[in-house]
Amino acid sequence: MGQQECDIFQTNRQRCNCTYEPCSRKGFCCQCIQYHWQMRELPACFFPDDVERTYDRSLNRFLSVHGRK
């Protein structure tokens, strides 16, 4: 599926809390998840805004924010 084929691109883009402005994946959640997962990270939408702004999207940071349950 190409970028122009995402049926809910506009909705995704409006909900995206990523502050990295040159990001080409905003609104394309499948691509964003794939990109970050390759680096053992999670996308911005998994983090509260104050944590997202640190750009620490590591699994350890996710667990420290959301707890190990």
PDB file of N, CA and C in Angstrom:
ATOM      1  N   MET A   1       0.849  -1.181   0.000  1.00  0.00           N
ATOM      2  CA  MET A   1       0.000   0.000   0.000  1.00  0.00           C
ATOM      3  C   MET A   1       0.889   1.237   0.000  1.00  0.00           C
ATOM      4  N   GLY A   2       0.742   2.071  -0.967  1.00  0.00           N
ATOM      5  CA  GLY A   2       1.512   3.296  -1.046  1.00  0.00           C
ATOM      6  C   GLY A   2       0.951   4.365  -0.125  1.00  0.00           C
ATOM      7  N   GLN A   3       1.717   5.418   0.065  1.00  0.00           N
ATOM      8  CA  GLN A   3       1.290   6.483   0.971  1.00  0.00           C
ATOM      9  C   GLN A   3      -0.052   7.071   0.562  1.00  0.00           C
ATOM     10  N   GLN A   4      -0.272   7.264  -0.704  1.00  0.00           N
ATOM     11  CA  GLN A   4      -1.503   7.879  -1.166  1.00  0.00           C
ATOM     12  C   GLN A   4      -2.716   6.963  -1.023  1.00  0.00           C
ATOM     13  N   GLU A   5      -2.520   5.699  -0.634  1.00  0.00           N
ATOM     14  CA  GLU A   5      -3.615   4.746  -0.535  1.00  0.00           C
ATOM     15  C   GLU A   5      -4.163   4.573   0.881  1.00  0.00           C
ATOM     16  N   CYS A   6      -3.649   5.280   1.858  1.00  0.00           N
ATOM     17  CA  CYS A   6      -4.131   5.144   3.229  1.00  0.00           C
ATOM     18  C   CYS A   6      -5.497   5.822   3.347  1.00  0.00           C
ATOM     19  N   ASP A   7      -6.513   5.034   3.666  1.00  0.00           N
ATOM     20  CA  ASP A   7      -7.882   5.544   3.732  1.00  0.00           C
ATOM     21  C   ASP A   7      -8.109   6.530   4.875  1.00  0.00           C
ATOM     22  N   ILE A   8      -7.336   6.418   5.937  1.00  0.00           N
ATOM     23  CA  ILE A   8      -7.561   7.281   7.099  1.00  0.00           C
ATOM     24  C   ILE A   8      -6.358   8.185   7.381  1.00  0.00           C
ATOM     25  N   PHE A   9      -5.652   8.545   6.334  1.00  0.00           N
ATOM     26  CA  PHE A   9      -4.459   9.378   6.477  1.00  0.00           C
ATOM     27  C   PHE A   9      -4.753  10.675   7.222  1.00  0.00           C
ATOM     28  N   GLN A  10      -5.782  11.406   6.835  1.00  0.00           N
ATOM     29  CA  GLN A  10      -6.075  12.704   7.457  1.00  0.00           C
ATOM     30  C   GLN A  10      -6.371  12.555   8.945  1.00  0.00           C
ATOM     31  N   THR A  11      -7.131  11.543   9.310  1.00  0.00           N
ATOM     32  CA  THR A  11      -7.433  11.287  10.723  1.00  0.00           C
ATOM     33  C   THR A  11      -6.155  10.951  11.476  1.00  0.00           C
ATOM     34  N   ASN A  12      -5.354  10.065  10.906  1.00  0.00           N
ATOM     35  CA  ASN A  12      -4.083   9.692  11.538  1.00  0.00           C
ATOM     36  C   ASN A  12      -3.187  10.910  11.723  1.00  0.00           C
ATOM     37  N   ARG A  13      -3.092  11.720  10.703  1.00  0.00           N
ATOM     38  CA  ARG A  13      -2.205  12.896  10.748  1.00  0.00           C
ATOM     39  C   ARG A  13      -2.652  13.875  11.831  1.00  0.00           C
ATOM     40  N   GLN A  14      -3.956  14.064  11.976  1.00  0.00           N
ATOM     41  CA  GLN A  14      -4.475  14.969  13.001  1.00  0.00           C
ATOM     42  C   GLN A  14      -4.188  14.450  14.408  1.00  0.00           C
ATOM     43  N   ARG A  15      -4.193  13.149  14.581  1.00  0.00           N
ATOM     44  CA  ARG A  15      -3.963  12.543  15.895  1.00  0.00           C
ATOM     45  C   ARG A  15      -2.485  12.364  16.225  1.00  0.00           C
ATOM     46  N   CYS A  16      -1.627  12.472  15.233  1.00  0.00           N
ATOM     47  CA  CYS A  16      -0.196  12.220  15.424  1.00  0.00           C
ATOM     48  C   CYS A  16       0.423  13.298  16.317  1.00  0.00           C
ATOM     49  N   ASN A  17       1.059  12.863  17.401  1.00  0.00           N
ATOM     50  CA  ASN A  17       1.682  13.817  18.319  1.00  0.00           C
ATOM     51  C   ASN A  17       3.194  13.928  18.116  1.00  0.00           C
ATOM     52  N   CYS A  18       3.698  13.418  17.020  1.00  0.00           N
ATOM     53  CA  CYS A  18       5.129  13.476  16.729  1.00  0.00           C
ATOM     54  C   CYS A  18       5.549  14.925  16.474  1.00  0.00           C
ATOM     55  N   THR A  19       6.590  15.356  17.177  1.00  0.00           N
ATOM     56  CA  THR A  19       7.082  16.726  17.009  1.00  0.00           C
ATOM     57  C   THR A  19       8.278  16.808  16.068  1.00  0.00           C
ATOM     58  N   TYR A  20       8.690  15.682  15.495  1.00  0.00           N
ATOM     59  CA  TYR A  20       9.800  15.679  14.548  1.00  0.00           C
ATOM     60  C   TYR A  20       9.263  16.144  13.200  1.00  0.00           C
ATOM     61  N   GLU A  21       9.492  17.404  12.865  1.00  0.00           N
ATOM     62  CA  GLU A  21       8.847  18.028  11.711  1.00  0.00           C
ATOM     63  C   GLU A  21       9.244  17.496  10.335  1.00  0.00           C
ATOM     64  N   PRO A  22      10.465  17.112  10.074  1.00  0.00           N
ATOM     65  CA  PRO A  22      10.708  16.611   8.720  1.00  0.00           C
ATOM     66  C   PRO A  22      10.229  15.174   8.500  1.00  0.00           C
ATOM     67  N   CYS A  23       9.494  14.603   9.443  1.00  0.00           N
ATOM     68  CA  CYS A  23       9.068  13.207   9.332  1.00  0.00           C
ATOM     69  C   CYS A  23       8.121  13.011   8.145  1.00  0.00           C
ATOM     70  N   SER A  24       8.449  12.073   7.296  1.00  0.00           N
ATOM     71  CA  SER A  24       7.625  11.777   6.112  1.00  0.00           C
ATOM     72  C   SER A  24       6.570  10.718   6.401  1.00  0.00           C
ATOM     73  N   ARG A  25       6.564  10.159   7.603  1.00  0.00           N
ATOM     74  CA  ARG A  25       5.639   9.073   7.939  1.00  0.00           C
ATOM     75  C   ARG A  25       4.418   9.530   8.728  1.00  0.00           C
ATOM     76  N   LYS A  26       4.310  10.812   9.048  1.00  0.00           N
ATOM     77  CA  LYS A  26       3.161  11.302   9.816  1.00  0.00           C
ATOM     78  C   LYS A  26       1.872  10.964   9.083  1.00  0.00           C
ATOM     79  N   GLY A  27       0.986  10.299   9.786  1.00  0.00           N
ATOM     80  CA  GLY A  27      -0.288   9.894   9.195  1.00  0.00           C
ATOM     81  C   GLY A  27      -0.251   8.512   8.579  1.00  0.00           C
ATOM     82  N   PHE A  28       0.924   7.988   8.358  1.00  0.00           N
ATOM     83  CA  PHE A  28       1.089   6.651   7.797  1.00  0.00           C
ATOM     84  C   PHE A  28       1.575   5.722   8.905  1.00  0.00           C
ATOM     85  N   CYS A  29       0.658   5.345   9.772  1.00  0.00           N
ATOM     86  CA  CYS A  29       0.995   4.613  11.000  1.00  0.00           C
ATOM     87  C   CYS A  29       1.736   3.308  10.730  1.00  0.00           C
ATOM     88  N   CYS A  30       1.343   2.575   9.718  1.00  0.00           N
ATOM     89  CA  CYS A  30       2.022   1.303   9.418  1.00  0.00           C
ATOM     90  C   CYS A  30       3.498   1.535   9.135  1.00  0.00           C
ATOM     91  N   GLN A  31       3.799   2.553   8.359  1.00  0.00           N
ATOM     92  CA  GLN A  31       5.193   2.868   8.045  1.00  0.00           C
ATOM     93  C   GLN A  31       5.937   3.359   9.277  1.00  0.00           C
ATOM     94  N   CYS A  32       5.276   4.148  10.094  1.00  0.00           N
ATOM     95  CA  CYS A  32       5.895   4.688  11.305  1.00  0.00           C
ATOM     96  C   CYS A  32       6.247   3.565  12.277  1.00  0.00           C
ATOM     97  N   ILE A  33       5.313   2.672  12.519  1.00  0.00           N
ATOM     98  CA  ILE A  33       5.562   1.551  13.431  1.00  0.00           C
ATOM     99  C   ILE A  33       6.701   0.690  12.908  1.00  0.00           C
ATOM    100  N   GLN A  34       6.675   0.389  11.621  1.00  0.00           N
ATOM    101  CA  GLN A  34       7.735  -0.428  11.029  1.00  0.00           C
ATOM    102  C   GLN A  34       9.099   0.249  11.182  1.00  0.00           C
ATOM    103  N   TYR A  35       9.155   1.531  10.899  1.00  0.00           N
ATOM    104  CA  TYR A  35      10.412   2.285  11.001  1.00  0.00           C
ATOM    105  C   TYR A  35      10.967   2.236  12.422  1.00  0.00           C
ATOM    106  N   HIS A  36      10.141   2.566  13.389  1.00  0.00           N
ATOM    107  CA  HIS A  36      10.615   2.606  14.775  1.00  0.00           C
ATOM    108  C   HIS A  36      10.917   1.216  15.315  1.00  0.00           C
ATOM    109  N   TRP A  37      10.109   0.233  14.946  1.00  0.00           N
ATOM    110  CA  TRP A  37      10.338  -1.118  15.468  1.00  0.00           C
ATOM    111  C   TRP A  37      11.670  -1.680  14.991  1.00  0.00           C
ATOM    112  N   GLN A  38      12.098  -1.330  13.787  1.00  0.00           N
ATOM    113  CA  GLN A  38      13.404  -1.771  13.284  1.00  0.00           C
ATOM    114  C   GLN A  38      14.538  -1.273  14.176  1.00  0.00           C
ATOM    115  N   MET A  39      14.298  -0.170  14.872  1.00  0.00           N
ATOM    116  CA  MET A  39      15.311   0.386  15.776  1.00  0.00           C
ATOM    117  C   MET A  39      15.001   0.054  17.241  1.00  0.00           C
ATOM    118  N   ARG A  40      14.081  -0.901  17.441  1.00  0.00           N
ATOM    119  CA  ARG A  40      13.662  -1.309  18.793  1.00  0.00           C
ATOM    120  C   ARG A  40      13.097  -0.129  19.580  1.00  0.00           C
ATOM    121  N   GLU A  41      12.306   0.677  18.889  1.00  0.00           N
ATOM    122  CA  GLU A  41      11.633   1.832  19.475  1.00  0.00           C
ATOM    123  C   GLU A  41      10.140   1.716  19.218  1.00  0.00           C
ATOM    124  N   LEU A  42       9.404   2.636  19.820  1.00  0.00           N
ATOM    125  CA  LEU A  42       7.978   2.769  19.558  1.00  0.00           C
ATOM    126  C   LEU A  42       7.719   4.178  19.041  1.00  0.00           C
ATOM    127  N   PRO A  43       6.652   4.365  18.266  1.00  0.00           N
ATOM    128  CA  PRO A  43       6.353   5.690  17.727  1.00  0.00           C
ATOM    129  C   PRO A  43       5.873   6.673  18.804  1.00  0.00           C
ATOM    130  N   ALA A  44       5.838   7.930  18.441  1.00  0.00           N
ATOM    131  CA  ALA A  44       5.451   9.010  19.354  1.00  0.00           C
ATOM    132  C   ALA A  44       4.100   8.775  20.014  1.00  0.00           C
ATOM    133  N   CYS A  45       3.162   8.210  19.283  1.00  0.00           N
ATOM    134  CA  CYS A  45       1.798   8.050  19.799  1.00  0.00           C
ATOM    135  C   CYS A  45       1.710   7.090  20.986  1.00  0.00           C
ATOM    136  N   PHE A  46       2.773   6.384  21.292  1.00  0.00           N
ATOM    137  CA  PHE A  46       2.804   5.490  22.450  1.00  0.00           C
ATOM    138  C   PHE A  46       3.208   6.236  23.726  1.00  0.00           C
ATOM    139  N   PHE A  47       3.544   7.521  23.596  1.00  0.00           N
ATOM    140  CA  PHE A  47       4.076   8.292  24.716  1.00  0.00           C
ATOM    141  C   PHE A  47       3.253   9.554  24.958  1.00  0.00           C
ATOM    142  N   PRO A  48       3.196  10.001  26.222  1.00  0.00           N
ATOM    143  CA  PRO A  48       2.583  11.305  26.498  1.00  0.00           C
ATOM    144  C   PRO A  48       3.421  12.407  25.838  1.00  0.00           C
ATOM    145  N   ASP A  49       2.802  13.540  25.585  1.00  0.00           N
ATOM    146  CA  ASP A  49       3.477  14.620  24.858  1.00  0.00           C
ATOM    147  C   ASP A  49       4.789  15.056  25.500  1.00  0.00           C
ATOM    148  N   ASP A  50       4.835  15.160  26.828  1.00  0.00           N
ATOM    149  CA  ASP A  50       6.064  15.625  27.471  1.00  0.00           C
ATOM    150  C   ASP A  50       7.215  14.642  27.286  1.00  0.00           C
ATOM    151  N   VAL A  51       6.922  13.370  27.228  1.00  0.00           N
ATOM    152  CA  VAL A  51       7.955  12.350  26.995  1.00  0.00           C
ATOM    153  C   VAL A  51       8.316  12.304  25.515  1.00  0.00           C
ATOM    154  N   GLU A  52       7.330  12.436  24.657  1.00  0.00           N
ATOM    155  CA  GLU A  52       7.579  12.402  23.208  1.00  0.00           C
ATOM    156  C   GLU A  52       8.590  13.464  22.812  1.00  0.00           C
ATOM    157  N   ARG A  53       8.498  14.629  23.407  1.00  0.00           N
ATOM    158  CA  ARG A  53       9.398  15.741  23.047  1.00  0.00           C
ATOM    159  C   ARG A  53      10.865  15.461  23.365  1.00  0.00           C
ATOM    160  N   THR A  54      11.135  14.449  24.179  1.00  0.00           N
ATOM    161  CA  THR A  54      12.526  14.096  24.483  1.00  0.00           C
ATOM    162  C   THR A  54      13.138  13.237  23.379  1.00  0.00           C
ATOM    163  N   TYR A  55      12.305  12.720  22.499  1.00  0.00           N
ATOM    164  CA  TYR A  55      12.707  11.809  21.411  1.00  0.00           C
ATOM    165  C   TYR A  55      13.283  10.496  21.915  1.00  0.00           C
ATOM    166  N   ASP A  56      13.108  10.192  23.195  1.00  0.00           N
ATOM    167  CA  ASP A  56      13.509   8.880  23.718  1.00  0.00           C
ATOM    168  C   ASP A  56      12.318   7.951  23.546  1.00  0.00           C
ATOM    169  N   ARG A  57      12.334   7.185  22.483  1.00  0.00           N
ATOM    170  CA  ARG A  57      11.213   6.305  22.152  1.00  0.00           C
ATOM    171  C   ARG A  57      11.570   4.847  22.413  1.00  0.00           C
ATOM    172  N   SER A  58      12.532   4.643  23.285  1.00  0.00           N
ATOM    173  CA  SER A  58      13.013   3.292  23.573  1.00  0.00           C
ATOM    174  C   SER A  58      11.964   2.473  24.325  1.00  0.00           C
ATOM    175  N   LEU A  59      12.133   1.155  24.260  1.00  0.00           N
ATOM    176  CA  LEU A  59      11.238   0.261  24.993  1.00  0.00           C
ATOM    177  C   LEU A  59      11.382   0.480  26.496  1.00  0.00           C
ATOM    178  N   ASN A  60      12.598   0.724  26.951  1.00  0.00           N
ATOM    179  CA  ASN A  60      12.805   0.995  28.374  1.00  0.00           C
ATOM    180  C   ASN A  60      12.056   2.244  28.821  1.00  0.00           C
ATOM    181  N   ARG A  61      12.084   3.272  28.002  1.00  0.00           N
ATOM    182  CA  ARG A  61      11.358   4.508  28.345  1.00  0.00           C
ATOM    183  C   ARG A  61       9.862   4.244  28.383  1.00  0.00           C
ATOM    184  N   PHE A  62       9.364   3.491  27.427  1.00  0.00           N
ATOM    185  CA  PHE A  62       7.945   3.134  27.406  1.00  0.00           C
ATOM    186  C   PHE A  62       7.559   2.424  28.701  1.00  0.00           C
ATOM    187  N   LEU A  63       8.370   1.456  29.103  1.00  0.00           N
ATOM    188  CA  LEU A  63       8.076   0.708  30.330  1.00  0.00           C
ATOM    189  C   LEU A  63       8.193   1.585  31.571  1.00  0.00           C
ATOM    190  N   SER A  64       9.114   2.530  31.563  1.00  0.00           N
ATOM    191  CA  SER A  64       9.239   3.416  32.726  1.00  0.00           C
ATOM    192  C   SER A  64       8.042   4.358  32.840  1.00  0.00           C
ATOM    193  N   VAL A  65       7.461   4.723  31.711  1.00  0.00           N
ATOM    194  CA  VAL A  65       6.292   5.606  31.712  1.00  0.00           C
ATOM    195  C   VAL A  65       5.024   4.836  32.059  1.00  0.00           C
ATOM    196  N   HIS A  66       4.869   3.675  31.461  1.00  0.00           N
ATOM    197  CA  HIS A  66       3.617   2.922  31.589  1.00  0.00           C
ATOM    198  C   HIS A  66       3.689   1.799  32.615  1.00  0.00           C
ATOM    199  N   GLY A  67       4.865   1.548  33.141  1.00  0.00           N
ATOM    200  CA  GLY A  67       5.026   0.520  34.168  1.00  0.00           C
ATOM    201  C   GLY A  67       5.088  -0.878  33.594  1.00  0.00           C
ATOM    202  N   ARG A  68       5.703  -1.738  34.330  1.00  0.00           N
ATOM    203  CA  ARG A  68       5.801  -3.157  33.940  1.00  0.00           C
ATOM    204  C   ARG A  68       4.660  -3.888  34.611  1.00  0.00           C
ATOM    205  N   LYS A  69       3.670  -4.254  33.843  1.00  0.00           N
ATOM    206  CA  LYS A  69       2.484  -4.926  34.401  1.00  0.00           C
ATOM    207  C   LYS A  69       2.362  -6.329  33.878  1.00  0.00           C
TER     208      LYS A  69
END
